[in-house]
Amino acid sequence: MKKKYVYVATALLIAGSITFSSCIGSFSLTHKVLSWNQTLDNKFVNELVFIALHIVPVYPVAIVIDGLVINSIEFWTGDNPMEAGIVKKVQGQSGVYTVETLKDGYKIKDEKGQQMNLVYDKKTNTWNMVADGQTTKLLKVVDKDNAVVYVNGQERNVALNAQGVLAFKESVDNSRFVAQK
């Protein structure tokens, strides 16, 4: 009889975590396994490993962990515990940059080793740039529709919609054009 209650409690816990979180989530653990599988030799090896990882059952376990634990954490806290530590190479106009995802932002390095961090402060709802030991405010999200952008120490209010962002971009481009003359 006690086993029946354990099964019912487990079923309710699983149903509750899925129902109450109402978040599909990013399934980052499953994507990491898939990304690793795609780096293998060729398409035939990829397929064999893919099938083997279903038989073992790596993929089903990753999906369950993502669906019940990681995606629920991501929904309730806003942070994905699997995201920190991801490093990507990005081709920019001035060269290749390495971008590492941190718990509170991003670390960006250029080919010469120069580094800057983009850091999100939850308390003030701001994004800051940290370089050479100095912190510079970049953006403060006021609410879902508005933000304050800091340009050369001056605050500019920006509507968070296509027109607001376009108007801000044009004003920055115009001020750069005037400053270059």
C-alpha atoms as a PDB file:
ATOM      1  CA  MET A   1       0.000   0.000   0.000  1.00  0.00           C
ATOM      2  CA  LYS A   2       2.874   2.386   0.811  1.00  0.00           C
ATOM      3  CA  LYS A   3       4.379   1.760  -2.629  1.00  0.00           C
ATOM      4  CA  LYS A   4       1.138   2.937  -4.199  1.00  0.00           C
ATOM      5  CA  TYR A   5       1.402   6.266  -2.340  1.00  0.00           C
ATOM      6  CA  VAL A   6       5.025   6.653  -3.410  1.00  0.00           C
ATOM      7  CA  TYR A   7       4.045   6.120  -7.053  1.00  0.00           C
ATOM      8  CA  VAL A   8       1.116   8.536  -6.773  1.00  0.00           C
ATOM      9  CA  ALA A   9       3.297  11.159  -5.060  1.00  0.00           C
ATOM     10  CA  THR A  10       6.003  10.747  -7.711  1.00  0.00           C
ATOM     11  CA  ALA A  11       3.470  11.052 -10.523  1.00  0.00           C
ATOM     12  CA  LEU A  12       1.960  14.169  -8.937  1.00  0.00           C
ATOM     13  CA  LEU A  13       5.424  15.699  -8.445  1.00  0.00           C
ATOM     14  CA  ILE A  14       6.352  15.096 -12.078  1.00  0.00           C
ATOM     15  CA  ALA A  15       2.982  16.370 -13.336  1.00  0.00           C
ATOM     16  CA  GLY A  16       3.222  19.399 -11.040  1.00  0.00           C
ATOM     17  CA  SER A  17       6.738  20.318 -12.115  1.00  0.00           C
ATOM     18  CA  ILE A  18       5.697  20.184 -15.740  1.00  0.00           C
ATOM     19  CA  THR A  19       2.284  21.822 -15.239  1.00  0.00           C
ATOM     20  CA  PHE A  20       3.311  24.583 -12.854  1.00  0.00           C
ATOM     21  CA  SER A  21       6.457  25.598 -14.659  1.00  0.00           C
ATOM     22  CA  SER A  22       4.673  25.967 -18.016  1.00  0.00           C
ATOM     23  CA  CYS A  23       8.011  26.399 -19.722  1.00  0.00           C
ATOM     24  CA  ILE A  24       9.183  24.444 -22.705  1.00  0.00           C
ATOM     25  CA  GLY A  25      12.711  25.606 -21.967  1.00  0.00           C
ATOM     26  CA  SER A  26      15.844  25.486 -24.018  1.00  0.00           C
ATOM     27  CA  PHE A  27      16.717  21.809 -23.394  1.00  0.00           C
ATOM     28  CA  SER A  28      20.377  22.839 -23.204  1.00  0.00           C
ATOM     29  CA  LEU A  29      21.672  19.514 -21.825  1.00  0.00           C
ATOM     30  CA  THR A  30      20.074  17.597 -24.693  1.00  0.00           C
ATOM     31  CA  HIS A  31      21.455  20.150 -27.168  1.00  0.00           C
ATOM     32  CA  LYS A  32      24.954  19.748 -25.691  1.00  0.00           C
ATOM     33  CA  VAL A  33      24.799  15.973 -26.190  1.00  0.00           C
ATOM     34  CA  LEU A  34      23.503  16.465 -29.748  1.00  0.00           C
ATOM     35  CA  SER A  35      26.184  19.093 -30.514  1.00  0.00           C
ATOM     36  CA  TRP A  36      28.892  16.729 -29.303  1.00  0.00           C
ATOM     37  CA  ASN A  37      27.441  13.944 -31.468  1.00  0.00           C
ATOM     38  CA  GLN A  38      27.497  16.225 -34.528  1.00  0.00           C
ATOM     39  CA  THR A  39      31.247  16.899 -34.111  1.00  0.00           C
ATOM     40  CA  LEU A  40      32.117  13.263 -34.830  1.00  0.00           C
ATOM     41  CA  ASP A  41      33.794  11.945 -37.955  1.00  0.00           C
ATOM     42  CA  ASN A  42      31.090  11.620 -40.610  1.00  0.00           C
ATOM     43  CA  LYS A  43      27.350  11.158 -41.008  1.00  0.00           C
ATOM     44  CA  PHE A  44      27.499   7.350 -40.661  1.00  0.00           C
ATOM     45  CA  VAL A  45      29.440   7.554 -37.396  1.00  0.00           C
ATOM     46  CA  ASN A  46      27.056  10.280 -36.206  1.00  0.00           C
ATOM     47  CA  GLU A  47      24.071   8.033 -36.921  1.00  0.00           C
ATOM     48  CA  LEU A  48      25.607   5.008 -35.176  1.00  0.00           C
ATOM     49  CA  VAL A  49      26.478   7.071 -32.089  1.00  0.00           C
ATOM     50  CA  PHE A  50      23.010   8.658 -32.169  1.00  0.00           C
ATOM     51  CA  ILE A  51      21.366   5.202 -32.129  1.00  0.00           C
ATOM     52  CA  ALA A  52      23.777   3.953 -29.449  1.00  0.00           C
ATOM     53  CA  LEU A  53      23.031   6.965 -27.253  1.00  0.00           C
ATOM     54  CA  HIS A  54      19.326   6.117 -27.489  1.00  0.00           C
ATOM     55  CA  ILE A  55      19.924   2.468 -26.594  1.00  0.00           C
ATOM     56  CA  VAL A  56      22.264   3.257 -23.667  1.00  0.00           C
ATOM     57  CA  PRO A  57      19.871   5.658 -22.933  1.00  0.00           C
ATOM     58  CA  VAL A  58      21.800   8.942 -22.873  1.00  0.00           C
ATOM     59  CA  TYR A  59      19.313  10.969 -24.925  1.00  0.00           C
ATOM     60  CA  PRO A  60      16.194   9.852 -22.992  1.00  0.00           C
ATOM     61  CA  VAL A  61      17.894  10.585 -19.635  1.00  0.00           C
ATOM     62  CA  ALA A  62      19.079  14.003 -20.884  1.00  0.00           C
ATOM     63  CA  ILE A  63      15.540  14.852 -22.039  1.00  0.00           C
ATOM     64  CA  VAL A  64      14.055  13.830 -18.676  1.00  0.00           C
ATOM     65  CA  ILE A  65      16.691  15.827 -16.728  1.00  0.00           C
ATOM     66  CA  ASP A  66      16.110  18.844 -18.992  1.00  0.00           C
ATOM     67  CA  GLY A  67      12.322  18.610 -18.800  1.00  0.00           C
ATOM     68  CA  LEU A  68      11.976  18.013 -15.076  1.00  0.00           C
ATOM     69  CA  VAL A  69      14.966  19.763 -13.526  1.00  0.00           C
ATOM     70  CA  ILE A  70      16.971  22.176 -15.675  1.00  0.00           C
ATOM     71  CA  ASN A  71      14.037  23.771 -17.542  1.00  0.00           C
ATOM     72  CA  SER A  72      12.138  24.181 -14.247  1.00  0.00           C
ATOM     73  CA  ILE A  73      15.179  25.899 -12.694  1.00  0.00           C
ATOM     74  CA  GLU A  74      15.462  28.074 -15.796  1.00  0.00           C
ATOM     75  CA  PHE A  75      11.785  29.065 -15.553  1.00  0.00           C
ATOM     76  CA  TRP A  76      11.706  29.838 -11.824  1.00  0.00           C
ATOM     77  CA  THR A  77      15.104  31.575 -11.515  1.00  0.00           C
ATOM     78  CA  GLY A  78      15.553  32.977 -15.012  1.00  0.00           C
ATOM     79  CA  ASP A  79      19.028  31.374 -15.158  1.00  0.00           C
ATOM     80  CA  ASN A  80      19.918  28.272 -17.084  1.00  0.00           C
ATOM     81  CA  PRO A  81      22.460  26.291 -15.050  1.00  0.00           C
ATOM     82  CA  MET A  82      23.806  24.687 -18.246  1.00  0.00           C
ATOM     83  CA  GLU A  83      24.618  27.964 -20.044  1.00  0.00           C
ATOM     84  CA  ALA A  84      27.614  29.149 -18.009  1.00  0.00           C
ATOM     85  CA  GLY A  85      30.905  28.114 -19.567  1.00  0.00           C
ATOM     86  CA  ILE A  86      29.799  27.976 -23.210  1.00  0.00           C
ATOM     87  CA  VAL A  87      32.539  29.419 -25.422  1.00  0.00           C
ATOM     88  CA  LYS A  88      31.972  30.453 -29.030  1.00  0.00           C
ATOM     89  CA  LYS A  89      34.110  32.081 -31.706  1.00  0.00           C
ATOM     90  CA  VAL A  90      32.507  35.034 -33.465  1.00  0.00           C
ATOM     91  CA  GLN A  91      33.773  36.727 -36.632  1.00  0.00           C
ATOM     92  CA  GLY A  92      33.525  40.509 -36.286  1.00  0.00           C
ATOM     93  CA  GLN A  93      34.582  43.386 -38.538  1.00  0.00           C
ATOM     94  CA  SER A  94      37.870  43.714 -36.663  1.00  0.00           C
ATOM     95  CA  GLY A  95      38.704  40.010 -36.380  1.00  0.00           C
ATOM     96  CA  VAL A  96      37.717  36.904 -34.452  1.00  0.00           C
ATOM     97  CA  TYR A  97      36.374  37.211 -30.910  1.00  0.00           C
ATOM     98  CA  THR A  98      35.946  34.542 -28.245  1.00  0.00           C
ATOM     99  CA  VAL A  99      32.690  34.914 -26.314  1.00  0.00           C
ATOM    100  CA  GLU A 100      32.267  32.950 -23.083  1.00  0.00           C
ATOM    101  CA  THR A 101      28.914  32.801 -21.323  1.00  0.00           C
ATOM    102  CA  LEU A 102      29.223  33.588 -17.626  1.00  0.00           C
ATOM    103  CA  LYS A 103      26.615  33.243 -14.891  1.00  0.00           C
ATOM    104  CA  ASP A 104      25.953  37.005 -14.958  1.00  0.00           C
ATOM    105  CA  GLY A 105      26.946  37.971 -18.501  1.00  0.00           C
ATOM    106  CA  TYR A 106      29.668  37.453 -21.104  1.00  0.00           C
ATOM    107  CA  LYS A 107      33.454  37.569 -21.339  1.00  0.00           C
ATOM    108  CA  ILE A 108      34.686  38.790 -24.733  1.00  0.00           C
ATOM    109  CA  LYS A 109      38.305  38.466 -25.888  1.00  0.00           C
ATOM    110  CA  ASP A 110      39.899  39.533 -29.141  1.00  0.00           C
ATOM    111  CA  GLU A 111      42.793  37.826 -30.931  1.00  0.00           C
ATOM    112  CA  LYS A 112      45.326  40.091 -29.160  1.00  0.00           C
ATOM    113  CA  GLY A 113      44.106  38.970 -25.726  1.00  0.00           C
ATOM    114  CA  GLN A 114      42.293  42.187 -24.859  1.00  0.00           C
ATOM    115  CA  GLN A 115      39.238  41.412 -22.776  1.00  0.00           C
ATOM    116  CA  MET A 116      36.006  43.022 -21.656  1.00  0.00           C
ATOM    117  CA  ASN A 117      33.046  41.665 -19.736  1.00  0.00           C
ATOM    118  CA  LEU A 118      29.387  42.479 -20.202  1.00  0.00           C
ATOM    119  CA  VAL A 119      27.836  42.041 -16.764  1.00  0.00           C
ATOM    120  CA  TYR A 120      24.146  42.036 -15.832  1.00  0.00           C
ATOM    121  CA  ASP A 121      23.275  43.383 -12.365  1.00  0.00           C
ATOM    122  CA  LYS A 122      19.893  41.975 -11.278  1.00  0.00           C
ATOM    123  CA  LYS A 123      19.490  44.436  -8.396  1.00  0.00           C
ATOM    124  CA  THR A 124      19.653  47.522 -10.622  1.00  0.00           C
ATOM    125  CA  ASN A 125      18.467  45.782 -13.811  1.00  0.00           C
ATOM    126  CA  THR A 126      21.480  47.157 -15.718  1.00  0.00           C
ATOM    127  CA  TRP A 127      24.031  45.877 -18.203  1.00  0.00           C
ATOM    128  CA  ASN A 128      27.566  47.160 -17.573  1.00  0.00           C
ATOM    129  CA  MET A 129      30.852  46.896 -19.449  1.00  0.00           C
ATOM    130  CA  VAL A 130      33.914  46.073 -17.372  1.00  0.00           C
ATOM    131  CA  ALA A 131      37.288  46.662 -19.061  1.00  0.00           C
ATOM    132  CA  ASP A 132      40.698  47.537 -17.634  1.00  0.00           C
ATOM    133  CA  GLY A 133      39.229  47.608 -14.120  1.00  0.00           C
ATOM    134  CA  GLN A 134      36.637  50.271 -14.997  1.00  0.00           C
ATOM    135  CA  THR A 135      32.884  49.742 -15.042  1.00  0.00           C
ATOM    136  CA  THR A 136      30.724  51.649 -17.517  1.00  0.00           C
ATOM    137  CA  LYS A 137      26.914  51.591 -17.510  1.00  0.00           C
ATOM    138  CA  LEU A 138      25.500  50.621 -20.887  1.00  0.00           C
ATOM    139  CA  LEU A 139      21.796  49.955 -20.467  1.00  0.00           C
ATOM    140  CA  LYS A 140      19.111  49.954 -17.790  1.00  0.00           C
ATOM    141  CA  VAL A 141      15.835  48.185 -18.452  1.00  0.00           C
ATOM    142  CA  VAL A 142      13.104  50.369 -16.925  1.00  0.00           C
ATOM    143  CA  ASP A 143      10.158  48.114 -17.752  1.00  0.00           C
ATOM    144  CA  LYS A 144       9.047  45.805 -20.557  1.00  0.00           C
ATOM    145  CA  ASP A 145       8.554  48.756 -22.912  1.00  0.00           C
ATOM    146  CA  ASN A 146      11.353  51.197 -22.037  1.00  0.00           C
ATOM    147  CA  ALA A 147      15.057  51.322 -21.339  1.00  0.00           C
ATOM    148  CA  VAL A 148      17.686  53.915 -20.571  1.00  0.00           C
ATOM    149  CA  VAL A 149      20.850  53.753 -22.670  1.00  0.00           C
ATOM    150  CA  TYR A 150      24.005  55.487 -21.478  1.00  0.00           C
ATOM    151  CA  VAL A 151      26.006  57.155 -24.271  1.00  0.00           C
ATOM    152  CA  ASN A 152      29.112  59.142 -23.281  1.00  0.00           C
ATOM    153  CA  GLY A 153      27.736  59.461 -19.747  1.00  0.00           C
ATOM    154  CA  GLN A 154      24.394  60.828 -20.922  1.00  0.00           C
ATOM    155  CA  GLU A 155      21.091  59.032 -20.439  1.00  0.00           C
ATOM    156  CA  ARG A 156      18.823  58.462 -23.428  1.00  0.00           C
ATOM    157  CA  ASN A 157      15.370  56.968 -23.070  1.00  0.00           C
ATOM    158  CA  VAL A 158      14.595  54.322 -25.663  1.00  0.00           C
ATOM    159  CA  ALA A 159      11.297  52.607 -26.373  1.00  0.00           C
ATOM    160  CA  LEU A 160      11.861  48.859 -26.638  1.00  0.00           C
ATOM    161  CA  ASN A 161      10.205  48.436 -29.998  1.00  0.00           C
ATOM    162  CA  ALA A 162      11.371  48.596 -33.616  1.00  0.00           C
ATOM    163  CA  GLN A 163      10.755  52.351 -33.975  1.00  0.00           C
ATOM    164  CA  GLY A 164      12.501  53.222 -30.693  1.00  0.00           C
ATOM    165  CA  VAL A 165      15.576  51.141 -31.471  1.00  0.00           C
ATOM    166  CA  LEU A 166      15.761  52.545 -35.020  1.00  0.00           C
ATOM    167  CA  ALA A 167      15.463  56.131 -33.727  1.00  0.00           C
ATOM    168  CA  PHE A 168      18.207  55.468 -31.167  1.00  0.00           C
ATOM    169  CA  LYS A 169      20.479  53.892 -33.807  1.00  0.00           C
ATOM    170  CA  GLU A 170      19.970  56.852 -36.136  1.00  0.00           C
ATOM    171  CA  SER A 171      20.718  59.359 -33.354  1.00  0.00           C
ATOM    172  CA  VAL A 172      23.931  57.514 -32.476  1.00  0.00           C
ATOM    173  CA  ASP A 173      24.953  57.282 -36.149  1.00  0.00           C
ATOM    174  CA  ASN A 174      24.223  61.006 -36.606  1.00  0.00           C
ATOM    175  CA  SER A 175      26.195  61.994 -33.505  1.00  0.00           C
ATOM    176  CA  ARG A 176      29.158  59.904 -34.731  1.00  0.00           C
ATOM    177  CA  PHE A 177      28.928  61.591 -38.145  1.00  0.00           C
ATOM    178  CA  VAL A 178      28.903  65.051 -36.532  1.00  0.00           C
ATOM    179  CA  ALA A 179      31.783  64.120 -34.211  1.00  0.00           C
ATOM    180  CA  GLN A 180      33.931  62.909 -37.144  1.00  0.00           C
ATOM    181  CA  LYS A 181      33.644  66.176 -39.137  1.00  0.00           C
END
